[in-house]
Amino acid sequence: MECMSTDIPSPTDIPAQIGTELHELAPDAQRRVLEFVRSLKPLGSGMSIDALKKHIGSISSDEGRAMRDAIEAGCEQVNMDEW
């Protein structure tokens, strides 16, 4: 395995270096990199409905209930001595 350089690239060099590294990856790894890069982008009012729709159904009803129960059990309590 080739060692990566420890030099800190300038901000303008980073996209070029990423591109160079990306071209050496297999297509499946390239897709994973793309998904990772997209995950780094902040969600906000600019996110399209289509981008949100791909997540519909990714959490089961049971998982949703378990999350709700955990939030209610752990987050909706006030400890007056905590502060």
PDB file of N, CA and C in Angstrom:
ATOM      1  N   MET A   1       0.851  -1.169   0.000  1.00  0.00           N
ATOM      2  CA  MET A   1       0.000   0.000   0.000  1.00  0.00           C
ATOM      3  C   MET A   1       0.894   1.228   0.000  1.00  0.00           C
ATOM      4  N   GLU A   2       0.541   2.192  -0.784  1.00  0.00           N
ATOM      5  CA  GLU A   2       1.313   3.416  -0.912  1.00  0.00           C
ATOM      6  C   GLU A   2       1.015   4.351   0.251  1.00  0.00           C
ATOM      7  N   CYS A   3       2.054   4.985   0.788  1.00  0.00           N
ATOM      8  CA  CYS A   3       1.871   5.922   1.892  1.00  0.00           C
ATOM      9  C   CYS A   3       1.364   7.248   1.367  1.00  0.00           C
ATOM     10  N   MET A   4       0.472   7.858   2.111  1.00  0.00           N
ATOM     11  CA  MET A   4      -0.036   9.163   1.731  1.00  0.00           C
ATOM     12  C   MET A   4       0.925  10.232   2.210  1.00  0.00           C
ATOM     13  N   SER A   5       0.999  11.304   1.470  1.00  0.00           N
ATOM     14  CA  SER A   5       1.854  12.416   1.848  1.00  0.00           C
ATOM     15  C   SER A   5       1.296  13.089   3.093  1.00  0.00           C
ATOM     16  N   THR A   6       2.194  13.513   3.974  1.00  0.00           N
ATOM     17  CA  THR A   6       1.762  14.216   5.177  1.00  0.00           C
ATOM     18  C   THR A   6       1.798  15.716   4.979  1.00  0.00           C
ATOM     19  N   ASP A   7       2.216  16.164   3.787  1.00  0.00           N
ATOM     20  CA  ASP A   7       2.226  17.599   3.503  1.00  0.00           C
ATOM     21  C   ASP A   7       0.800  18.120   3.502  1.00  0.00           C
ATOM     22  N   ILE A   8       0.627  19.303   4.047  1.00  0.00           N
ATOM     23  CA  ILE A   8      -0.697  19.918   4.064  1.00  0.00           C
ATOM     24  C   ILE A   8      -0.852  20.715   2.772  1.00  0.00           C
ATOM     25  N   PRO A   9      -1.777  20.282   1.908  1.00  0.00           N
ATOM     26  CA  PRO A   9      -1.935  20.979   0.638  1.00  0.00           C
ATOM     27  C   PRO A   9      -2.655  22.307   0.827  1.00  0.00           C
ATOM     28  N   SER A  10      -2.417  23.207  -0.116  1.00  0.00           N
ATOM     29  CA  SER A  10      -3.147  24.469  -0.069  1.00  0.00           C
ATOM     30  C   SER A  10      -4.595  24.182  -0.450  1.00  0.00           C
ATOM     31  N   PRO A  11      -5.529  25.029  -0.015  1.00  0.00           N
ATOM     32  CA  PRO A  11      -6.943  24.792  -0.330  1.00  0.00           C
ATOM     33  C   PRO A  11      -7.217  24.660  -1.827  1.00  0.00           C
ATOM     34  N   THR A  12      -6.436  25.337  -2.641  1.00  0.00           N
ATOM     35  CA  THR A  12      -6.676  25.235  -4.087  1.00  0.00           C
ATOM     36  C   THR A  12      -6.159  23.928  -4.661  1.00  0.00           C
ATOM     37  N   ASP A  13      -5.227  23.260  -3.982  1.00  0.00           N
ATOM     38  CA  ASP A  13      -4.683  21.988  -4.457  1.00  0.00           C
ATOM     39  C   ASP A  13      -5.534  20.787  -4.049  1.00  0.00           C
ATOM     40  N   ILE A  14      -6.361  20.942  -3.039  1.00  0.00           N
ATOM     41  CA  ILE A  14      -7.108  19.807  -2.492  1.00  0.00           C
ATOM     42  C   ILE A  14      -8.026  19.157  -3.529  1.00  0.00           C
ATOM     43  N   PRO A  15      -8.868  19.912  -4.263  1.00  0.00           N
ATOM     44  CA  PRO A  15      -9.726  19.246  -5.244  1.00  0.00           C
ATOM     45  C   PRO A  15      -8.939  18.465  -6.303  1.00  0.00           C
ATOM     46  N   ALA A  16      -7.806  19.013  -6.732  1.00  0.00           N
ATOM     47  CA  ALA A  16      -6.994  18.310  -7.722  1.00  0.00           C
ATOM     48  C   ALA A  16      -6.428  17.021  -7.141  1.00  0.00           C
ATOM     49  N   GLN A  17      -5.975  17.074  -5.903  1.00  0.00           N
ATOM     50  CA  GLN A  17      -5.431  15.874  -5.266  1.00  0.00           C
ATOM     51  C   GLN A  17      -6.512  14.830  -5.045  1.00  0.00           C
ATOM     52  N   ILE A  18      -7.695  15.280  -4.646  1.00  0.00           N
ATOM     53  CA  ILE A  18      -8.813  14.339  -4.473  1.00  0.00           C
ATOM     54  C   ILE A  18      -9.138  13.682  -5.799  1.00  0.00           C
ATOM     55  N   GLY A  19      -9.170  14.485  -6.861  1.00  0.00           N
ATOM     56  CA  GLY A  19      -9.456  13.940  -8.192  1.00  0.00           C
ATOM     57  C   GLY A  19      -8.440  12.891  -8.608  1.00  0.00           C
ATOM     58  N   THR A  20      -7.181  13.162  -8.356  1.00  0.00           N
ATOM     59  CA  THR A  20      -6.125  12.213  -8.700  1.00  0.00           C
ATOM     60  C   THR A  20      -6.304  10.907  -7.938  1.00  0.00           C
ATOM     61  N   GLU A  21      -6.549  11.012  -6.646  1.00  0.00           N
ATOM     62  CA  GLU A  21      -6.752   9.809  -5.829  1.00  0.00           C
ATOM     63  C   GLU A  21      -8.013   9.069  -6.253  1.00  0.00           C
ATOM     64  N   LEU A  22      -9.066   9.817  -6.551  1.00  0.00           N
ATOM     65  CA  LEU A  22     -10.351   9.231  -6.910  1.00  0.00           C
ATOM     66  C   LEU A  22     -10.258   8.396  -8.178  1.00  0.00           C
ATOM     67  N   HIS A  23      -9.513   8.876  -9.159  1.00  0.00           N
ATOM     68  CA  HIS A  23      -9.380   8.150 -10.425  1.00  0.00           C
ATOM     69  C   HIS A  23      -8.703   6.800 -10.248  1.00  0.00           C
ATOM     70  N   GLU A  24      -7.961   6.620  -9.168  1.00  0.00           N
ATOM     71  CA  GLU A  24      -7.258   5.361  -8.922  1.00  0.00           C
ATOM     72  C   GLU A  24      -8.128   4.336  -8.192  1.00  0.00           C
ATOM     73  N   LEU A  25      -9.314   4.752  -7.755  1.00  0.00           N
ATOM     74  CA  LEU A  25     -10.204   3.854  -7.015  1.00  0.00           C
ATOM     75  C   LEU A  25     -11.119   3.086  -7.958  1.00  0.00           C
ATOM     76  N   ALA A  26     -11.572   1.950  -7.488  1.00  0.00           N
ATOM     77  CA  ALA A  26     -12.558   1.162  -8.223  1.00  0.00           C
ATOM     78  C   ALA A  26     -13.894   1.914  -8.216  1.00  0.00           C
ATOM     79  N   PRO A  27     -14.760   1.643  -9.191  1.00  0.00           N
ATOM     80  CA  PRO A  27     -16.043   2.356  -9.264  1.00  0.00           C
ATOM     81  C   PRO A  27     -16.867   2.301  -7.975  1.00  0.00           C
ATOM     82  N   ASP A  28     -16.888   1.136  -7.305  1.00  0.00           N
ATOM     83  CA  ASP A  28     -17.648   1.024  -6.054  1.00  0.00           C
ATOM     84  C   ASP A  28     -17.075   1.965  -4.992  1.00  0.00           C
ATOM     85  N   ALA A  29     -15.772   2.038  -4.896  1.00  0.00           N
ATOM     86  CA  ALA A  29     -15.131   2.937  -3.932  1.00  0.00           C
ATOM     87  C   ALA A  29     -15.389   4.397  -4.316  1.00  0.00           C
ATOM     88  N   GLN A  30     -15.420   4.689  -5.597  1.00  0.00           N
ATOM     89  CA  GLN A  30     -15.722   6.053  -6.042  1.00  0.00           C
ATOM     90  C   GLN A  30     -17.132   6.456  -5.618  1.00  0.00           C
ATOM     91  N   ARG A  31     -18.082   5.526  -5.730  1.00  0.00           N
ATOM     92  CA  ARG A  31     -19.458   5.810  -5.296  1.00  0.00           C
ATOM     93  C   ARG A  31     -19.499   6.074  -3.799  1.00  0.00           C
ATOM     94  N   ARG A  32     -18.739   5.308  -3.018  1.00  0.00           N
ATOM     95  CA  ARG A  32     -18.701   5.524  -1.572  1.00  0.00           C
ATOM     96  C   ARG A  32     -18.116   6.889  -1.230  1.00  0.00           C
ATOM     97  N   VAL A  33     -17.085   7.292  -1.975  1.00  0.00           N
ATOM     98  CA  VAL A  33     -16.500   8.623  -1.761  1.00  0.00           C
ATOM     99  C   VAL A  33     -17.528   9.697  -2.075  1.00  0.00           C
ATOM    100  N   LEU A  34     -18.251   9.531  -3.178  1.00  0.00           N
ATOM    101  CA  LEU A  34     -19.281  10.500  -3.547  1.00  0.00           C
ATOM    102  C   LEU A  34     -20.344  10.608  -2.469  1.00  0.00           C
ATOM    103  N   GLU A  35     -20.811   9.472  -1.954  1.00  0.00           N
ATOM    104  CA  GLU A  35     -21.808   9.493  -0.884  1.00  0.00           C
ATOM    105  C   GLU A  35     -21.259  10.190   0.353  1.00  0.00           C
ATOM    106  N   PHE A  36     -19.992   9.939   0.675  1.00  0.00           N
ATOM    107  CA  PHE A  36     -19.383  10.580   1.837  1.00  0.00           C
ATOM    108  C   PHE A  36     -19.300  12.085   1.648  1.00  0.00           C
ATOM    109  N   VAL A  37     -18.852  12.515   0.484  1.00  0.00           N
ATOM    110  CA  VAL A  37     -18.734  13.954   0.220  1.00  0.00           C
ATOM    111  C   VAL A  37     -20.101  14.616   0.321  1.00  0.00           C
ATOM    112  N   ARG A  38     -21.102  13.976  -0.249  1.00  0.00           N
ATOM    113  CA  ARG A  38     -22.455  14.541  -0.160  1.00  0.00           C
ATOM    114  C   ARG A  38     -22.946  14.596   1.277  1.00  0.00           C
ATOM    115  N   SER A  39     -22.533  13.635   2.107  1.00  0.00           N
ATOM    116  CA  SER A  39     -22.968  13.631   3.502  1.00  0.00           C
ATOM    117  C   SER A  39     -22.355  14.778   4.292  1.00  0.00           C
ATOM    118  N   LEU A  40     -21.264  15.330   3.814  1.00  0.00           N
ATOM    119  CA  LEU A  40     -20.603  16.431   4.509  1.00  0.00           C
ATOM    120  C   LEU A  40     -21.292  17.769   4.275  1.00  0.00           C
ATOM    121  N   LYS A  41     -22.094  17.841   3.223  1.00  0.00           N
ATOM    122  CA  LYS A  41     -22.774  19.087   2.909  1.00  0.00           C
ATOM    123  C   LYS A  41     -23.895  19.315   3.916  1.00  0.00           C
ATOM    124  N   PRO A  42     -24.015  20.537   4.419  1.00  0.00           N
ATOM    125  CA  PRO A  42     -25.059  20.799   5.407  1.00  0.00           C
ATOM    126  C   PRO A  42     -26.449  20.706   4.786  1.00  0.00           C
ATOM    127  N   LEU A  43     -27.377  20.174   5.577  1.00  0.00           N
ATOM    128  CA  LEU A  43     -28.774  20.153   5.158  1.00  0.00           C
ATOM    129  C   LEU A  43     -29.373  21.510   5.471  1.00  0.00           C
ATOM    130  N   GLY A  44     -30.237  21.955   4.655  1.00  0.00           N
ATOM    131  CA  GLY A  44     -30.853  23.242   4.913  1.00  0.00           C
ATOM    132  C   GLY A  44     -32.006  23.478   3.970  1.00  0.00           C
ATOM    133  N   SER A  45     -32.430  24.714   3.936  1.00  0.00           N
ATOM    134  CA  SER A  45     -33.582  25.050   3.109  1.00  0.00           C
ATOM    135  C   SER A  45     -33.298  24.817   1.636  1.00  0.00           C
ATOM    136  N   GLY A  46     -32.042  24.709   1.270  1.00  0.00           N
ATOM    137  CA  GLY A  46     -31.686  24.496  -0.121  1.00  0.00           C
ATOM    138  C   GLY A  46     -31.759  23.050  -0.556  1.00  0.00           C
ATOM    139  N   MET A  47     -32.038  22.138   0.362  1.00  0.00           N
ATOM    140  CA  MET A  47     -32.099  20.726  -0.004  1.00  0.00           C
ATOM    141  C   MET A  47     -33.390  20.448  -0.744  1.00  0.00           C
ATOM    142  N   SER A  48     -33.269  19.711  -1.823  1.00  0.00           N
ATOM    143  CA  SER A  48     -34.442  19.440  -2.641  1.00  0.00           C
ATOM    144  C   SER A  48     -35.308  18.349  -2.014  1.00  0.00           C
ATOM    145  N   ILE A  49     -36.564  18.370  -2.391  1.00  0.00           N
ATOM    146  CA  ILE A  49     -37.513  17.349  -1.943  1.00  0.00           C
ATOM    147  C   ILE A  49     -37.047  15.979  -2.425  1.00  0.00           C
ATOM    148  N   ASP A  50     -36.544  15.918  -3.659  1.00  0.00           N
ATOM    149  CA  ASP A  50     -36.091  14.639  -4.194  1.00  0.00           C
ATOM    150  C   ASP A  50     -34.956  14.059  -3.353  1.00  0.00           C
ATOM    151  N   ALA A  51     -34.063  14.919  -2.855  1.00  0.00           N
ATOM    152  CA  ALA A  51     -32.967  14.448  -2.017  1.00  0.00           C
ATOM    153  C   ALA A  51     -33.508  13.890  -0.700  1.00  0.00           C
ATOM    154  N   LEU A  52     -34.552  14.509  -0.164  1.00  0.00           N
ATOM    155  CA  LEU A  52     -35.149  14.025   1.080  1.00  0.00           C
ATOM    156  C   LEU A  52     -35.957  12.750   0.864  1.00  0.00           C
ATOM    157  N   LYS A  53     -36.618  12.647  -0.282  1.00  0.00           N
ATOM    158  CA  LYS A  53     -37.484  11.497  -0.554  1.00  0.00           C
ATOM    159  C   LYS A  53     -36.727  10.180  -0.540  1.00  0.00           C
ATOM    160  N   LYS A  54     -35.441  10.212  -0.884  1.00  0.00           N
ATOM    161  CA  LYS A  54     -34.707   8.949  -0.938  1.00  0.00           C
ATOM    162  C   LYS A  54     -34.568   8.309   0.444  1.00  0.00           C
ATOM    163  N   HIS A  55     -34.834   9.073   1.510  1.00  0.00           N
ATOM    164  CA  HIS A  55     -34.711   8.541   2.862  1.00  0.00           C
ATOM    165  C   HIS A  55     -36.038   8.037   3.424  1.00  0.00           C
ATOM    166  N   ILE A  56     -37.130   8.264   2.711  1.00  0.00           N
ATOM    167  CA  ILE A  56     -38.436   7.814   3.181  1.00  0.00           C
ATOM    168  C   ILE A  56     -38.420   6.290   3.303  1.00  0.00           C
ATOM    169  N   GLY A  57     -38.837   5.810   4.448  1.00  0.00           N
ATOM    170  CA  GLY A  57     -38.906   4.376   4.672  1.00  0.00           C
ATOM    171  C   GLY A  57     -37.597   3.751   5.112  1.00  0.00           C
ATOM    172  N   SER A  58     -36.569   4.569   5.291  1.00  0.00           N
ATOM    173  CA  SER A  58     -35.283   3.989   5.688  1.00  0.00           C
ATOM    174  C   SER A  58     -35.259   3.622   7.166  1.00  0.00           C
ATOM    175  N   ILE A  59     -36.227   4.114   7.913  1.00  0.00           N
ATOM    176  CA  ILE A  59     -36.352   3.763   9.329  1.00  0.00           C
ATOM    177  C   ILE A  59     -37.700   3.067   9.504  1.00  0.00           C
ATOM    178  N   SER A  60     -37.677   1.892  10.095  1.00  0.00           N
ATOM    179  CA  SER A  60     -38.918   1.146  10.290  1.00  0.00           C
ATOM    180  C   SER A  60     -39.753   1.791  11.395  1.00  0.00           C
ATOM    181  N   SER A  61     -41.013   1.423  11.447  1.00  0.00           N
ATOM    182  CA  SER A  61     -41.898   1.925  12.505  1.00  0.00           C
ATOM    183  C   SER A  61     -41.379   1.543  13.880  1.00  0.00           C
ATOM    184  N   ASP A  62     -40.882   0.306  13.999  1.00  0.00           N
ATOM    185  CA  ASP A  62     -40.338  -0.143  15.285  1.00  0.00           C
ATOM    186  C   ASP A  62     -39.122   0.684  15.687  1.00  0.00           C
ATOM    187  N   GLU A  63     -38.250   0.968  14.717  1.00  0.00           N
ATOM    188  CA  GLU A  63     -37.071   1.788  15.014  1.00  0.00           C
ATOM    189  C   GLU A  63     -37.488   3.206  15.405  1.00  0.00           C
ATOM    190  N   GLY A  64     -38.489   3.740  14.721  1.00  0.00           N
ATOM    191  CA  GLY A  64     -38.985   5.071  15.045  1.00  0.00           C
ATOM    192  C   GLY A  64     -39.560   5.133  16.453  1.00  0.00           C
ATOM    193  N   ARG A  65     -40.341   4.110  16.821  1.00  0.00           N
ATOM    194  CA  ARG A  65     -40.893   4.056  18.177  1.00  0.00           C
ATOM    195  C   ARG A  65     -39.781   3.944  19.213  1.00  0.00           C
ATOM    196  N   ALA A  66     -38.771   3.133  18.916  1.00  0.00           N
ATOM    197  CA  ALA A  66     -37.655   2.963  19.858  1.00  0.00           C
ATOM    198  C   ALA A  66     -36.911   4.285  20.046  1.00  0.00           C
ATOM    199  N   MET A  67     -36.716   5.023  18.969  1.00  0.00           N
ATOM    200  CA  MET A  67     -36.052   6.331  19.090  1.00  0.00           C
ATOM    201  C   MET A  67     -36.909   7.297  19.897  1.00  0.00           C
ATOM    202  N   ARG A  68     -38.211   7.332  19.597  1.00  0.00           N
ATOM    203  CA  ARG A  68     -39.113   8.213  20.334  1.00  0.00           C
ATOM    204  C   ARG A  68     -39.104   7.882  21.821  1.00  0.00           C
ATOM    205  N   ASP A  69     -39.186   6.585  22.141  1.00  0.00           N
ATOM    206  CA  ASP A  69     -39.174   6.170  23.538  1.00  0.00           C
ATOM    207  C   ASP A  69     -37.872   6.552  24.237  1.00  0.00           C
ATOM    208  N   ALA A  70     -36.742   6.389  23.528  1.00  0.00           N
ATOM    209  CA  ALA A  70     -35.446   6.747  24.116  1.00  0.00           C
ATOM    210  C   ALA A  70     -35.360   8.248  24.366  1.00  0.00           C
ATOM    211  N   ILE A  71     -35.880   9.038  23.447  1.00  0.00           N
ATOM    212  CA  ILE A  71     -35.874  10.501  23.620  1.00  0.00           C
ATOM    213  C   ILE A  71     -36.752  10.886  24.797  1.00  0.00           C
ATOM    214  N   GLU A  72     -37.941  10.309  24.849  1.00  0.00           N
ATOM    215  CA  GLU A  72     -38.843  10.625  25.948  1.00  0.00           C
ATOM    216  C   GLU A  72     -38.257  10.198  27.289  1.00  0.00           C
ATOM    217  N   ALA A  73     -37.579   9.059  27.316  1.00  0.00           N
ATOM    218  CA  ALA A  73     -37.020   8.562  28.569  1.00  0.00           C
ATOM    219  C   ALA A  73     -35.785   9.348  29.005  1.00  0.00           C
ATOM    220  N   GLY A  74     -34.978   9.772  28.072  1.00  0.00           N
ATOM    221  CA  GLY A  74     -33.719  10.380  28.443  1.00  0.00           C
ATOM    222  C   GLY A  74     -33.608  11.874  28.255  1.00  0.00           C
ATOM    223  N   CYS A  75     -34.470  12.442  27.454  1.00  0.00           N
ATOM    224  CA  CYS A  75     -34.304  13.854  27.110  1.00  0.00           C
ATOM    225  C   CYS A  75     -35.383  14.767  27.670  1.00  0.00           C
ATOM    226  N   GLU A  76     -36.482  14.215  28.095  1.00  0.00           N
ATOM    227  CA  GLU A  76     -37.567  15.063  28.556  1.00  0.00           C
ATOM    228  C   GLU A  76     -37.633  15.107  30.075  1.00  0.00           C
ATOM    229  N   GLN A  77     -36.489  14.964  30.705  1.00  0.00           N
ATOM    230  CA  GLN A  77     -36.436  15.022  32.151  1.00  0.00           C
ATOM    231  C   GLN A  77     -35.602  16.224  32.569  1.00  0.00           C
ATOM    232  N   VAL A  78     -36.017  16.863  33.622  1.00  0.00           N
ATOM    233  CA  VAL A  78     -35.300  18.013  34.144  1.00  0.00           C
ATOM    234  C   VAL A  78     -34.664  17.622  35.467  1.00  0.00           C
ATOM    235  N   ASN A  79     -33.364  17.809  35.565  1.00  0.00           N
ATOM    236  CA  ASN A  79     -32.655  17.562  36.811  1.00  0.00           C
ATOM    237  C   ASN A  79     -32.317  18.928  37.398  1.00  0.00           C
ATOM    238  N   MET A  80     -33.037  19.344  38.416  1.00  0.00           N
ATOM    239  CA  MET A  80     -32.886  20.683  38.993  1.00  0.00           C
ATOM    240  C   MET A  80     -31.505  20.890  39.604  1.00  0.00           C
ATOM    241  N   ASP A  81     -30.812  19.830  39.984  1.00  0.00           N
ATOM    242  CA  ASP A  81     -29.488  19.941  40.594  1.00  0.00           C
ATOM    243  C   ASP A  81     -28.358  19.917  39.563  1.00  0.00           C
ATOM    244  N   GLU A  82     -28.706  19.746  38.297  1.00  0.00           N
ATOM    245  CA  GLU A  82     -27.683  19.604  37.272  1.00  0.00           C
ATOM    246  C   GLU A  82     -26.921  20.901  37.039  1.00  0.00           C
ATOM    247  N   TRP A  83     -27.560  22.024  37.101  1.00  0.00           N
ATOM    248  CA  TRP A  83     -26.892  23.301  36.826  1.00  0.00           C
ATOM    249  C   TRP A  83     -26.422  23.843  38.110  1.00  0.00           C
TER     250      TRP A  83
END
